[in-house]
């Protein structure tokens, strides 16, 4: 998961967002103090196998505060974009190396537009005459076919992101796409529950030292990589608002987990979720390099993940004009997040079954 908000900027550069961030952290500290008092009295919450549901467990509660932070981030980025356009307009127009003939220039506002593929009279754009409402009515097979057309026009690069994201948000991850994973998942869950390092960390997270926590989450990712066939990546901890479990930083190829989440032992499950994104990356790379043949059982899932990847929806995505709460819901429903959530909820349920 790409972490939707960075700690600085915008938190250090916009007073309102910084104030909201501090208030959120202060409230969490008060809640954690109260929780410590309850735990000292012998109280411990029970795990429920169906707790994850359809909602992204990495985000958890506190959605109203999250929406406010997303809106503050969007406002900040829009202000930066307006300032960039103002400065660009104050300079001489910049030449476009590809979209214009030599000797002509292209204004800054239209540079991005000029880089969008164009079509001759003999070509048919896959979304010609289509609206968002029309796309929303498409079935799963039709969505995949339209995404294949977009991919042939512009491989690995998003064009017309609004309609592409509409395809992504409504695409399910049916069982037949992940059938090859079923036995591997069960093996992973069984191994994690019986692993002494992981099971001890899940039960005693609050008492662990930073080194013990690091060892536990690295063990989760290493075990997952060993079973599913991908190399584990480095794992770091960073303080985030409590409703965030973590993110997979694709640029650095690093998993970043929340050092102070609302529910500490969920960090074990968050590590499995983020490692699921690492596995997705391996599938996409193998698919694009032609290392996964059509008769390979991994092919349906690898193809679907590759097709929707350019249209990944972030909660603070500003490519499409949508309300933050709507973007957040669409983010949770996209295939890559629903697929990674299956590792979170599956491991959660395995521990709940083992220790109920």
Protein backbone atom coordinates (compact mmCIF):
# COMPACT_ATOMS: atom_id res chain seq x y z
CA UNK A 1 0.00 0.00 0.00
CA UNK A 2 1.30 3.44 -0.77
CA UNK A 3 1.03 5.47 2.40
CA UNK A 4 -1.48 8.21 1.48
CA UNK A 5 0.05 11.03 3.52
CA UNK A 6 3.64 11.99 4.17
CA UNK A 7 4.59 13.28 7.58
CA UNK A 8 6.43 16.33 6.17
CA UNK A 9 5.38 17.96 3.94
CA UNK A 10 2.49 18.82 4.10
CA UNK A 11 2.18 18.54 7.87
CA UNK A 12 5.12 20.85 8.47
CA UNK A 13 4.11 23.36 5.81
CA UNK A 14 0.37 23.91 6.35
CA UNK A 15 -0.77 25.10 9.77
CA UNK A 16 -4.20 23.52 9.62
CA UNK A 17 -2.93 20.06 8.63
CA UNK A 18 -0.18 20.22 11.25
CA UNK A 19 -2.75 21.10 13.91
CA UNK A 20 -5.01 18.22 12.89
CA UNK A 21 -2.07 15.82 12.90
CA UNK A 22 -1.01 16.89 16.41
CA UNK A 23 -4.57 16.61 17.71
CA UNK A 24 -4.86 13.11 16.28
CA UNK A 25 -1.62 11.98 17.91
CA UNK A 26 -2.61 13.57 21.25
CA UNK A 27 -5.92 11.75 21.21
CA UNK A 28 -4.16 8.46 20.49
CA UNK A 29 -1.79 8.98 23.40
CA UNK A 30 -4.74 9.50 25.75
CA UNK A 31 -6.47 6.40 24.41
CA UNK A 32 -3.31 4.33 24.76
CA UNK A 33 -2.88 5.48 28.37
CA UNK A 34 -6.44 4.37 29.11
CA UNK A 35 -5.79 1.04 27.35
CA UNK A 36 -2.68 0.44 29.45
CA UNK A 37 -4.77 0.93 32.60
CA UNK A 38 -7.28 -1.65 31.38
CA UNK A 39 -4.56 -4.12 30.44
CA UNK A 40 -2.93 -3.66 33.85
CA UNK A 41 -6.26 -4.70 35.36
CA UNK A 42 -6.18 -7.92 33.33
CA UNK A 43 -8.34 -6.95 30.35
CA UNK A 44 -7.39 -8.19 26.87
CA UNK A 45 -9.50 -7.86 23.69
CA UNK A 46 -10.55 -11.07 21.97
CA UNK A 47 -9.75 -11.75 18.34
CA UNK A 48 -12.72 -12.28 16.07
CA UNK A 49 -12.19 -14.23 12.84
CA UNK A 50 -14.56 -12.03 10.84
CA UNK A 51 -13.31 -8.69 12.19
CA UNK A 52 -11.63 -7.61 8.95
CA UNK A 53 -14.68 -7.87 6.68
CA UNK A 54 -14.48 -5.96 3.41
CA UNK A 55 -12.88 -2.86 4.92
CA UNK A 56 -9.15 -2.46 4.52
CA UNK A 57 -7.77 -3.64 7.90
CA UNK A 58 -4.57 -1.68 7.40
CA UNK A 59 -6.53 1.55 7.81
CA UNK A 60 -8.70 0.47 10.74
CA UNK A 61 -10.83 3.07 12.53
CA UNK A 62 -10.59 6.84 12.64
CA UNK A 63 -11.88 7.31 9.09
CA UNK A 64 -13.29 10.78 9.75
CA UNK A 65 -9.92 12.06 10.92
CA UNK A 66 -8.28 10.33 7.97
CA UNK A 67 -10.61 12.04 5.49
CA UNK A 68 -9.73 15.44 6.98
CA UNK A 69 -6.02 14.75 6.64
CA UNK A 70 -6.47 13.59 3.05
CA UNK A 71 -8.41 16.76 2.24
CA UNK A 72 -5.67 18.90 3.80
CA UNK A 73 -3.06 17.08 1.73
CA UNK A 74 -5.07 17.56 -1.48
CA UNK A 75 -5.54 21.28 -0.77
CA UNK A 76 -1.82 21.66 -0.17
CA UNK A 77 -0.89 19.89 -3.41
CA UNK A 78 -3.42 21.93 -5.41
CA UNK A 79 -1.88 25.12 -4.03
CA UNK A 80 1.58 23.92 -5.09
CA UNK A 81 0.27 23.05 -8.55
CA UNK A 82 -1.32 26.49 -8.96
CA UNK A 83 1.94 28.15 -7.95
CA UNK A 84 3.88 25.96 -10.39
CA UNK A 85 1.53 26.92 -13.23
CA UNK A 86 1.83 30.60 -12.33
CA UNK A 87 5.61 30.41 -12.45
CA UNK A 88 5.54 28.42 -15.69
CA UNK A 89 3.32 31.03 -17.33
CA UNK A 90 5.71 33.77 -16.24
CA UNK A 91 8.51 32.10 -18.24
CA UNK A 92 8.76 31.73 -22.03
CA UNK A 93 6.80 28.77 -23.33
CA UNK A 94 8.79 25.51 -23.25
CA UNK A 95 9.32 23.44 -26.42
CA UNK A 96 7.90 19.91 -26.45
CA UNK A 97 10.43 17.42 -27.91
CA UNK A 98 7.84 14.90 -29.09
CA UNK A 99 4.41 16.45 -29.45
CA UNK A 100 5.25 19.41 -31.71
CA UNK A 101 7.13 19.94 -34.95
CA UNK A 102 10.58 21.53 -34.70
CA UNK A 103 10.42 25.27 -34.34
CA UNK A 104 7.08 25.37 -32.50
CA UNK A 105 6.43 25.73 -28.78
CA UNK A 106 3.88 24.37 -26.33
CA UNK A 107 2.53 26.20 -23.28
CA UNK A 108 3.16 24.68 -19.85
CA UNK A 109 -0.54 24.01 -19.27
CA UNK A 110 -0.75 21.80 -22.36
CA UNK A 111 2.51 19.91 -22.05
CA UNK A 112 0.89 16.97 -20.27
CA UNK A 113 -2.08 16.99 -22.63
CA UNK A 114 0.22 16.82 -25.66
CA UNK A 115 1.87 13.68 -24.31
CA UNK A 116 -1.44 11.79 -24.38
CA UNK A 117 -1.62 9.33 -27.31
CA UNK A 118 -3.63 10.46 -30.33
CA UNK A 119 -5.61 8.28 -32.72
CA UNK A 120 -6.06 8.33 -36.49
CA UNK A 121 -9.44 8.07 -38.17
CA UNK A 122 -8.96 4.33 -38.55
CA UNK A 123 -8.33 3.81 -34.82
CA UNK A 124 -11.06 3.38 -32.21
CA UNK A 125 -10.41 4.52 -28.70
CA UNK A 126 -11.60 1.86 -26.19
CA UNK A 127 -13.68 4.43 -24.29
CA UNK A 128 -15.09 6.34 -27.25
CA UNK A 129 -18.54 7.62 -26.31
CA UNK A 130 -18.40 6.08 -22.84
CA UNK A 131 -19.28 7.77 -19.57
CA UNK A 132 -18.42 6.75 -16.01
CA UNK A 133 -21.96 5.43 -15.60
CA UNK A 134 -21.52 3.22 -18.68
CA UNK A 135 -18.23 1.84 -17.34
CA UNK A 136 -19.80 1.13 -13.94
CA UNK A 137 -22.31 -1.23 -15.62
CA UNK A 138 -19.66 -3.43 -17.23
CA UNK A 139 -19.13 -6.99 -16.09
CA UNK A 140 -15.81 -8.44 -14.99
CA UNK A 141 -14.86 -9.92 -18.38
CA UNK A 142 -15.74 -6.66 -20.17
CA UNK A 143 -13.66 -4.63 -17.71
CA UNK A 144 -10.64 -6.85 -18.28
CA UNK A 145 -11.01 -6.60 -22.05
CA UNK A 146 -11.19 -2.80 -21.94
CA UNK A 147 -8.14 -2.72 -19.69
CA UNK A 148 -6.31 -4.94 -22.19
CA UNK A 149 -7.12 -2.44 -24.94
CA UNK A 150 -5.79 0.42 -22.83
CA UNK A 151 -2.65 -1.57 -22.08
CA UNK A 152 -2.00 -2.16 -25.78
CA UNK A 153 -2.36 1.56 -26.46
CA UNK A 154 -0.15 2.65 -23.55
CA UNK A 155 1.69 -0.19 -21.75
CA UNK A 156 2.45 0.48 -18.07
CA UNK A 157 1.34 4.13 -18.29
CA UNK A 158 -2.01 5.59 -17.24
CA UNK A 159 -4.04 7.37 -19.89
CA UNK A 160 -7.49 8.75 -19.13
CA UNK A 161 -7.06 7.81 -15.45
CA UNK A 162 -10.66 8.53 -14.48
CA UNK A 163 -12.10 5.77 -16.65
CA UNK A 164 -9.17 3.47 -15.94
CA UNK A 165 -9.73 3.88 -12.21
CA UNK A 166 -13.44 3.22 -12.73
CA UNK A 167 -12.44 -0.16 -14.20
CA UNK A 168 -10.02 -0.81 -11.35
CA UNK A 169 -12.42 0.07 -8.52
CA UNK A 170 -15.11 -2.29 -9.80
CA UNK A 171 -12.87 -5.25 -10.62
CA UNK A 172 -13.20 -8.17 -8.24
CA UNK A 173 -10.57 -10.72 -7.30
CA UNK A 174 -12.67 -13.88 -7.82
CA UNK A 175 -11.54 -17.20 -6.45
CA UNK A 176 -10.53 -18.53 -9.86
CA UNK A 177 -7.93 -15.74 -10.14
CA UNK A 178 -6.26 -16.83 -6.89
CA UNK A 179 -6.98 -20.56 -6.95
CA UNK A 180 -3.30 -21.44 -7.20
CA UNK A 181 -2.73 -19.60 -3.92
CA UNK A 182 -5.14 -21.52 -1.71
CA UNK A 183 -2.77 -24.29 -0.62
CA UNK A 184 0.12 -21.82 -0.30
CA UNK A 185 -1.92 -19.53 1.93
CA UNK A 186 -2.97 -22.32 4.24
CA UNK A 187 0.64 -23.43 4.52
CA UNK A 188 1.66 -19.86 5.35
CA UNK A 189 -1.03 -19.44 8.01
CA UNK A 190 -0.23 -22.80 9.64
CA UNK A 191 3.49 -22.06 9.62
CA UNK A 192 3.05 -18.55 11.08
CA UNK A 193 0.77 -19.68 13.90
CA UNK A 194 3.23 -22.40 14.96
CA UNK A 195 6.34 -20.25 14.49
CA UNK A 196 7.64 -19.42 18.01
CA UNK A 197 8.91 -15.95 17.06
CA UNK A 198 5.69 -14.85 15.33
CA UNK A 199 3.25 -16.37 17.82
CA UNK A 200 5.15 -14.91 20.77
CA UNK A 201 5.13 -11.46 19.15
CA UNK A 202 1.40 -11.63 18.39
CA UNK A 203 0.59 -12.42 22.01
CA UNK A 204 3.11 -10.10 23.69
CA UNK A 205 3.64 -7.22 21.27
CA UNK A 206 3.43 -4.47 23.89
CA UNK A 207 6.21 -6.09 25.94
CA UNK A 208 8.66 -6.60 23.07
CA UNK A 209 11.77 -4.53 22.52
CA UNK A 210 12.25 -2.75 19.16
CA UNK A 211 14.74 -5.44 18.14
CA UNK A 212 12.27 -8.22 18.94
CA UNK A 213 9.53 -6.47 16.99
CA UNK A 214 11.86 -6.06 14.02
CA UNK A 215 12.76 -9.72 14.15
CA UNK A 216 9.10 -10.78 14.28
CA UNK A 217 7.91 -8.78 11.25
CA UNK A 218 10.99 -9.80 9.26
CA UNK A 219 10.17 -13.41 10.10
CA UNK A 220 6.62 -12.94 8.76
CA UNK A 221 7.89 -11.50 5.46
CA UNK A 222 10.65 -14.11 5.13
CA UNK A 223 8.21 -16.97 5.72
CA UNK A 224 5.74 -15.49 3.24
CA UNK A 225 8.47 -15.02 0.64
CA UNK A 226 9.77 -18.55 1.12
CA UNK A 227 6.32 -20.08 0.57
CA UNK A 228 5.12 -17.80 -2.26
CA UNK A 229 8.45 -17.50 -4.04
CA UNK A 230 9.61 -13.90 -3.73
CA UNK A 231 12.58 -12.24 -2.07
CA UNK A 232 11.75 -10.38 1.16
CA UNK A 233 12.52 -6.67 1.24
CA UNK A 234 13.84 -4.48 4.07
CA UNK A 235 11.34 -3.45 6.75
CA UNK A 236 11.39 -0.12 8.57
CA UNK A 237 9.27 1.41 11.32
CA UNK A 238 7.90 4.95 11.23
CA UNK A 239 5.45 6.80 13.44
CA UNK A 240 2.15 7.37 11.66
CA UNK A 241 -1.41 8.16 12.79
CA UNK A 242 -2.84 5.09 14.49
CA UNK A 243 -5.31 4.16 11.76
CA UNK A 244 -2.43 3.45 9.37
CA UNK A 245 -0.86 0.02 9.50
CA UNK A 246 1.91 0.75 7.05
CA UNK A 247 2.77 1.00 3.38
CA UNK A 248 4.89 -0.62 0.71
CA UNK A 249 7.27 1.99 -0.70
CA UNK A 250 7.57 0.89 -4.33
CA UNK A 251 10.23 3.45 -5.19
CA UNK A 252 12.64 2.18 -2.53
CA UNK A 253 11.30 -1.40 -2.46
CA UNK A 254 10.89 -1.18 1.32
CA UNK A 255 8.04 -2.04 3.70
CA UNK A 256 7.34 0.73 6.22
CA UNK A 257 5.22 -0.21 9.27
CA UNK A 258 3.60 2.05 11.83
CA UNK A 259 5.69 2.09 15.00
CA UNK A 260 2.68 3.17 17.11
CA UNK A 261 -0.49 1.69 15.62
CA UNK A 262 -3.84 1.72 17.39
CA UNK A 263 -3.60 -2.04 17.93
CA UNK A 264 0.04 -3.07 18.31
CA UNK A 265 -0.18 -6.80 17.68
CA UNK A 266 -1.93 -6.13 14.38
CA UNK A 267 1.53 -5.14 13.13
CA UNK A 268 2.11 -8.85 12.50
CA UNK A 269 -0.89 -8.93 10.15
CA UNK A 270 0.05 -5.58 8.61
CA UNK A 271 3.45 -7.05 7.71
CA UNK A 272 1.68 -9.90 5.88
CA UNK A 273 -0.51 -7.38 4.00
CA UNK A 274 2.45 -5.30 2.84
CA UNK A 275 4.48 -8.41 1.94
CA UNK A 276 1.47 -9.33 -0.23
CA UNK A 277 2.16 -6.17 -2.25
CA UNK A 278 5.77 -7.33 -2.70
CA UNK A 279 4.43 -10.63 -4.06
CA UNK A 280 2.14 -8.69 -6.41
CA UNK A 281 5.14 -6.77 -7.72
CA UNK A 282 6.95 -10.04 -8.44
CA UNK A 283 3.90 -11.34 -10.35
CA UNK A 284 3.66 -8.13 -12.41
CA UNK A 285 7.35 -8.16 -13.26
CA UNK A 286 7.28 -11.82 -14.30
CA UNK A 287 4.13 -11.26 -16.38
CA UNK A 288 5.53 -8.24 -18.22
CA UNK A 289 8.82 -10.03 -18.88
CA UNK A 290 6.97 -13.00 -20.42
CA UNK A 291 8.02 -15.42 -17.69
CA UNK A 292 4.41 -16.43 -16.94
CA UNK A 293 2.84 -18.40 -19.78
CA UNK A 294 -0.95 -18.34 -20.43
CA UNK A 295 -1.26 -21.92 -19.14
CA UNK A 296 0.52 -21.02 -15.89
CA UNK A 297 -1.93 -21.06 -12.94
CA UNK A 298 -0.52 -17.67 -11.87
CA UNK A 299 -1.41 -16.07 -15.22
CA UNK A 300 -4.98 -14.79 -14.49
CA UNK A 301 -3.96 -13.00 -11.29
CA UNK A 302 -0.67 -11.70 -12.73
CA UNK A 303 -2.46 -10.30 -15.79
CA UNK A 304 -5.20 -8.61 -13.74
CA UNK A 305 -2.67 -7.00 -11.39
CA UNK A 306 -0.59 -5.78 -14.32
CA UNK A 307 -3.59 -4.28 -16.14
CA UNK A 308 -4.86 -2.28 -13.16
CA UNK A 309 -1.43 -1.22 -11.88
CA UNK A 310 -1.28 2.09 -13.89
CA UNK A 311 -4.67 2.99 -12.41
CA UNK A 312 -3.85 2.30 -8.76
CA UNK A 313 -6.09 4.48 -6.58
CA UNK A 314 -4.52 6.33 -3.66
CA UNK A 315 -6.74 7.81 -0.94
CA UNK A 316 -5.30 11.24 -1.76
CA UNK A 317 -5.28 10.71 -5.54
CA UNK A 318 -5.69 14.07 -7.27
CA UNK A 319 -5.79 12.77 -10.87
CA UNK A 320 -9.57 12.48 -10.60
CA UNK A 321 -11.88 15.05 -8.99
CA UNK A 322 -13.51 13.04 -6.21
CA UNK A 323 -14.32 13.61 -2.57
CA UNK A 324 -11.72 12.17 -0.16
CA UNK A 325 -14.20 9.76 1.44
CA UNK A 326 -15.18 8.47 -2.01
CA UNK A 327 -11.55 7.98 -3.02
CA UNK A 328 -10.90 6.17 0.25
CA UNK A 329 -13.74 3.73 -0.42
CA UNK A 330 -12.54 3.13 -3.98
CA UNK A 331 -9.00 2.60 -2.71
CA UNK A 332 -10.20 -0.18 -0.40
CA UNK A 333 -12.13 -1.93 -3.17
CA UNK A 334 -9.44 -2.14 -5.84
CA UNK A 335 -8.06 -5.63 -6.64
CA UNK A 336 -4.52 -5.08 -5.39
CA UNK A 337 -5.75 -3.99 -1.95
CA UNK A 338 -8.45 -6.65 -1.69
CA UNK A 339 -5.90 -9.30 -2.65
CA UNK A 340 -3.35 -8.09 -0.07
CA UNK A 341 -6.12 -7.89 2.55
CA UNK A 342 -6.67 -11.61 2.16
CA UNK A 343 -3.27 -12.23 3.74
CA UNK A 344 -4.14 -9.88 6.62
CA UNK A 345 -7.57 -11.36 7.36
CA UNK A 346 -6.43 -14.94 6.73
CA UNK A 347 -3.56 -14.71 9.21
CA UNK A 348 -5.82 -12.86 11.67
CA UNK A 349 -8.40 -15.65 11.48
CA UNK A 350 -5.72 -18.33 11.86
CA UNK A 351 -4.54 -16.83 15.16
CA UNK A 352 -8.14 -16.35 16.30
CA UNK A 353 -8.91 -20.02 15.58
CA UNK A 354 -5.75 -21.20 17.29
CA UNK A 355 -6.18 -19.27 20.53
CA UNK A 356 -9.92 -18.75 20.95
